[in-house]
Amino acid sequence: MSVASTTEITALSPESFDAAVNEGLNRAKQSLRRVREAWIKDQAIVLDEEDGSITGYQVRLSVSFVLEEGPEATTGA
């Protein structure tokens, strides 16, 4: 049996929503082991204050990962 947890990540890209999703997932995989799923919770376009042009694409992701089992999981090793 396995137990999973979720965390939220916000990522921003000047290119596209897809690029922001990939940026968030790549960053999550650097910090979390056993990443299994992700859900896009929110999307937002970031606008330039002066001319209103699009300067970025932001996503909020909920990332699911399986918790480690065994003694190393409880000691943080």
N, C-alpha and C. Protein backbone atom coordinates (compact mmCIF):
# COMPACT_ATOMS: atom_id res chain seq x y z
N MET A 1 0.85 -1.17 0.00
CA MET A 1 0.00 0.00 0.00
C MET A 1 0.89 1.23 0.00
N SER A 2 0.48 2.25 -0.72
CA SER A 2 1.25 3.49 -0.73
C SER A 2 0.36 4.65 -0.30
N VAL A 3 1.01 5.68 0.20
CA VAL A 3 0.32 6.89 0.65
C VAL A 3 0.92 8.06 -0.12
N ALA A 4 0.05 8.94 -0.61
CA ALA A 4 0.51 10.08 -1.38
C ALA A 4 0.16 11.38 -0.67
N SER A 5 0.86 12.42 -1.05
CA SER A 5 0.60 13.76 -0.56
C SER A 5 0.57 14.70 -1.75
N THR A 6 0.02 15.89 -1.55
CA THR A 6 0.01 16.87 -2.62
C THR A 6 0.60 18.19 -2.13
N THR A 7 1.13 18.93 -3.06
CA THR A 7 1.63 20.27 -2.77
C THR A 7 1.25 21.17 -3.94
N GLU A 8 1.15 22.46 -3.68
CA GLU A 8 0.83 23.40 -4.76
C GLU A 8 2.08 24.15 -5.19
N ILE A 9 2.17 24.33 -6.49
CA ILE A 9 3.31 25.03 -7.09
C ILE A 9 2.77 26.06 -8.07
N THR A 10 3.32 27.25 -8.04
CA THR A 10 2.98 28.27 -9.02
C THR A 10 4.19 28.50 -9.91
N ALA A 11 3.97 28.49 -11.22
CA ALA A 11 5.07 28.67 -12.16
C ALA A 11 4.68 29.72 -13.20
N LEU A 12 5.68 30.43 -13.69
CA LEU A 12 5.47 31.52 -14.64
C LEU A 12 6.42 31.34 -15.82
N SER A 13 5.90 31.57 -17.02
CA SER A 13 6.72 31.54 -18.23
C SER A 13 6.35 32.71 -19.12
N PRO A 14 7.33 33.31 -19.79
CA PRO A 14 7.01 34.36 -20.75
C PRO A 14 6.50 33.80 -22.08
N GLU A 15 6.58 32.47 -22.26
CA GLU A 15 6.27 31.85 -23.55
C GLU A 15 4.82 31.39 -23.71
N SER A 16 4.36 30.53 -22.77
CA SER A 16 3.04 29.92 -22.93
C SER A 16 2.62 29.22 -21.64
N PHE A 17 1.33 28.82 -21.59
CA PHE A 17 0.86 28.04 -20.45
C PHE A 17 1.56 26.69 -20.41
N ASP A 18 1.76 26.06 -21.57
CA ASP A 18 2.46 24.77 -21.62
C ASP A 18 3.87 24.88 -21.05
N ALA A 19 4.56 25.94 -21.41
CA ALA A 19 5.92 26.13 -20.90
C ALA A 19 5.90 26.35 -19.39
N ALA A 20 4.89 27.05 -18.88
CA ALA A 20 4.78 27.26 -17.43
C ALA A 20 4.51 25.93 -16.71
N VAL A 21 3.66 25.09 -17.29
CA VAL A 21 3.39 23.77 -16.70
C VAL A 21 4.67 22.95 -16.66
N ASN A 22 5.40 22.92 -17.77
CA ASN A 22 6.66 22.16 -17.80
C ASN A 22 7.67 22.70 -16.80
N GLU A 23 7.75 24.02 -16.67
CA GLU A 23 8.66 24.64 -15.71
C GLU A 23 8.31 24.21 -14.28
N GLY A 24 7.02 24.24 -13.96
CA GLY A 24 6.58 23.83 -12.62
C GLY A 24 6.84 22.37 -12.34
N LEU A 25 6.55 21.51 -13.32
CA LEU A 25 6.79 20.08 -13.12
C LEU A 25 8.28 19.75 -13.01
N ASN A 26 9.09 20.38 -13.84
CA ASN A 26 10.53 20.14 -13.76
C ASN A 26 11.09 20.57 -12.41
N ARG A 27 10.61 21.69 -11.90
CA ARG A 27 11.06 22.17 -10.59
C ARG A 27 10.57 21.25 -9.48
N ALA A 28 9.34 20.77 -9.58
CA ALA A 28 8.80 19.84 -8.58
C ALA A 28 9.64 18.56 -8.52
N LYS A 29 10.01 18.05 -9.69
CA LYS A 29 10.79 16.80 -9.74
C LYS A 29 12.20 16.97 -9.20
N GLN A 30 12.70 18.20 -9.13
CA GLN A 30 14.01 18.43 -8.52
C GLN A 30 13.94 18.31 -7.00
N SER A 31 12.80 18.66 -6.42
CA SER A 31 12.65 18.68 -4.97
C SER A 31 11.90 17.47 -4.41
N LEU A 32 11.00 16.91 -5.20
CA LEU A 32 10.15 15.82 -4.73
C LEU A 32 10.47 14.54 -5.47
N ARG A 33 10.48 13.44 -4.74
CA ARG A 33 10.65 12.13 -5.38
C ARG A 33 9.29 11.50 -5.60
N ARG A 34 9.23 10.65 -6.59
CA ARG A 34 8.05 9.85 -6.89
C ARG A 34 6.82 10.70 -7.24
N VAL A 35 7.04 11.75 -8.03
CA VAL A 35 5.93 12.58 -8.51
C VAL A 35 5.08 11.71 -9.43
N ARG A 36 3.78 11.70 -9.19
CA ARG A 36 2.90 10.80 -9.94
C ARG A 36 1.86 11.52 -10.80
N GLU A 37 1.31 12.62 -10.31
CA GLU A 37 0.25 13.30 -11.04
C GLU A 37 0.33 14.79 -10.78
N ALA A 38 -0.32 15.55 -11.66
CA ALA A 38 -0.44 16.99 -11.45
C ALA A 38 -1.74 17.46 -12.06
N TRP A 39 -2.34 18.45 -11.43
CA TRP A 39 -3.57 19.05 -11.91
C TRP A 39 -3.35 20.54 -12.06
N ILE A 40 -3.86 21.09 -13.13
CA ILE A 40 -3.81 22.54 -13.31
C ILE A 40 -5.00 23.11 -12.54
N LYS A 41 -4.72 23.86 -11.49
CA LYS A 41 -5.77 24.42 -10.65
C LYS A 41 -6.24 25.78 -11.17
N ASP A 42 -5.29 26.56 -11.70
CA ASP A 42 -5.57 27.92 -12.14
C ASP A 42 -4.63 28.31 -13.26
N GLN A 43 -5.08 29.20 -14.10
CA GLN A 43 -4.24 29.81 -15.12
C GLN A 43 -4.49 31.31 -15.09
N ALA A 44 -3.45 32.09 -15.31
CA ALA A 44 -3.61 33.54 -15.35
C ALA A 44 -2.62 34.12 -16.36
N ILE A 45 -3.04 35.16 -17.02
CA ILE A 45 -2.16 35.90 -17.91
C ILE A 45 -1.67 37.12 -17.16
N VAL A 46 -0.37 37.36 -17.20
CA VAL A 46 0.23 38.52 -16.54
C VAL A 46 0.37 39.61 -17.60
N LEU A 47 -0.14 40.81 -17.28
CA LEU A 47 -0.14 41.90 -18.24
C LEU A 47 0.84 43.00 -17.85
N ASP A 48 1.38 43.66 -18.86
CA ASP A 48 2.24 44.82 -18.65
C ASP A 48 1.37 45.96 -18.11
N GLU A 49 1.85 46.63 -17.09
CA GLU A 49 1.06 47.69 -16.46
C GLU A 49 0.83 48.89 -17.39
N GLU A 50 1.77 49.15 -18.26
CA GLU A 50 1.67 50.35 -19.10
C GLU A 50 0.83 50.16 -20.36
N ASP A 51 1.12 49.10 -21.12
CA ASP A 51 0.41 48.95 -22.39
C ASP A 51 -0.56 47.77 -22.43
N GLY A 52 -0.64 46.99 -21.36
CA GLY A 52 -1.59 45.89 -21.31
C GLY A 52 -1.21 44.66 -22.11
N SER A 53 0.01 44.64 -22.65
CA SER A 53 0.44 43.47 -23.42
C SER A 53 0.73 42.30 -22.48
N ILE A 54 0.63 41.10 -23.01
CA ILE A 54 0.89 39.90 -22.22
C ILE A 54 2.40 39.76 -21.99
N THR A 55 2.78 39.67 -20.72
CA THR A 55 4.20 39.50 -20.38
C THR A 55 4.50 38.12 -19.80
N GLY A 56 3.46 37.37 -19.42
CA GLY A 56 3.71 36.06 -18.85
C GLY A 56 2.45 35.22 -18.74
N TYR A 57 2.69 33.93 -18.58
CA TYR A 57 1.63 32.94 -18.43
C TYR A 57 1.90 32.20 -17.12
N GLN A 58 0.93 32.26 -16.21
CA GLN A 58 1.13 31.68 -14.88
C GLN A 58 0.15 30.53 -14.67
N VAL A 59 0.64 29.45 -14.06
CA VAL A 59 -0.22 28.32 -13.71
C VAL A 59 -0.01 27.97 -12.24
N ARG A 60 -1.08 27.51 -11.63
CA ARG A 60 -1.00 26.96 -10.28
C ARG A 60 -1.29 25.48 -10.40
N LEU A 61 -0.33 24.66 -9.97
CA LEU A 61 -0.43 23.21 -10.09
C LEU A 61 -0.57 22.57 -8.72
N SER A 62 -1.37 21.52 -8.66
CA SER A 62 -1.40 20.65 -7.50
C SER A 62 -0.65 19.39 -7.91
N VAL A 63 0.45 19.11 -7.23
CA VAL A 63 1.33 18.00 -7.61
C VAL A 63 1.23 16.89 -6.56
N SER A 64 0.98 15.67 -7.01
CA SER A 64 0.86 14.51 -6.13
C SER A 64 2.16 13.71 -6.19
N PHE A 65 2.62 13.27 -5.00
CA PHE A 65 3.82 12.44 -4.94
C PHE A 65 3.62 11.38 -3.86
N VAL A 66 4.23 10.21 -4.07
CA VAL A 66 4.10 9.09 -3.14
C VAL A 66 5.11 9.26 -2.03
N LEU A 67 4.64 9.12 -0.79
CA LEU A 67 5.52 9.25 0.37
C LEU A 67 6.43 8.03 0.48
N GLU A 68 7.66 8.28 0.91
CA GLU A 68 8.64 7.21 1.09
C GLU A 68 8.21 6.27 2.21
N GLU A 69 8.62 5.02 2.11
CA GLU A 69 8.35 4.04 3.16
C GLU A 69 9.66 3.64 3.80
N GLY A 70 9.60 3.15 5.03
CA GLY A 70 10.77 2.63 5.70
C GLY A 70 11.38 3.64 6.66
N PRO A 71 12.47 3.23 7.34
CA PRO A 71 13.07 4.06 8.38
C PRO A 71 13.63 5.38 7.86
N GLU A 72 14.13 5.41 6.62
CA GLU A 72 14.69 6.66 6.09
C GLU A 72 13.61 7.72 5.92
N ALA A 73 12.36 7.31 5.76
CA ALA A 73 11.27 8.26 5.60
C ALA A 73 10.99 8.99 6.92
N THR A 74 11.12 8.30 8.04
CA THR A 74 10.82 8.92 9.32
C THR A 74 11.98 9.72 9.87
N THR A 75 13.20 9.42 9.41
CA THR A 75 14.37 10.16 9.89
C THR A 75 14.72 11.33 9.00
N GLY A 76 14.10 11.39 7.81
CA GLY A 76 14.40 12.47 6.87
C GLY A 76 15.66 12.23 6.08
N ALA A 77 16.26 11.02 6.17
CA ALA A 77 17.50 10.73 5.45
C ALA A 77 17.24 10.43 4.01
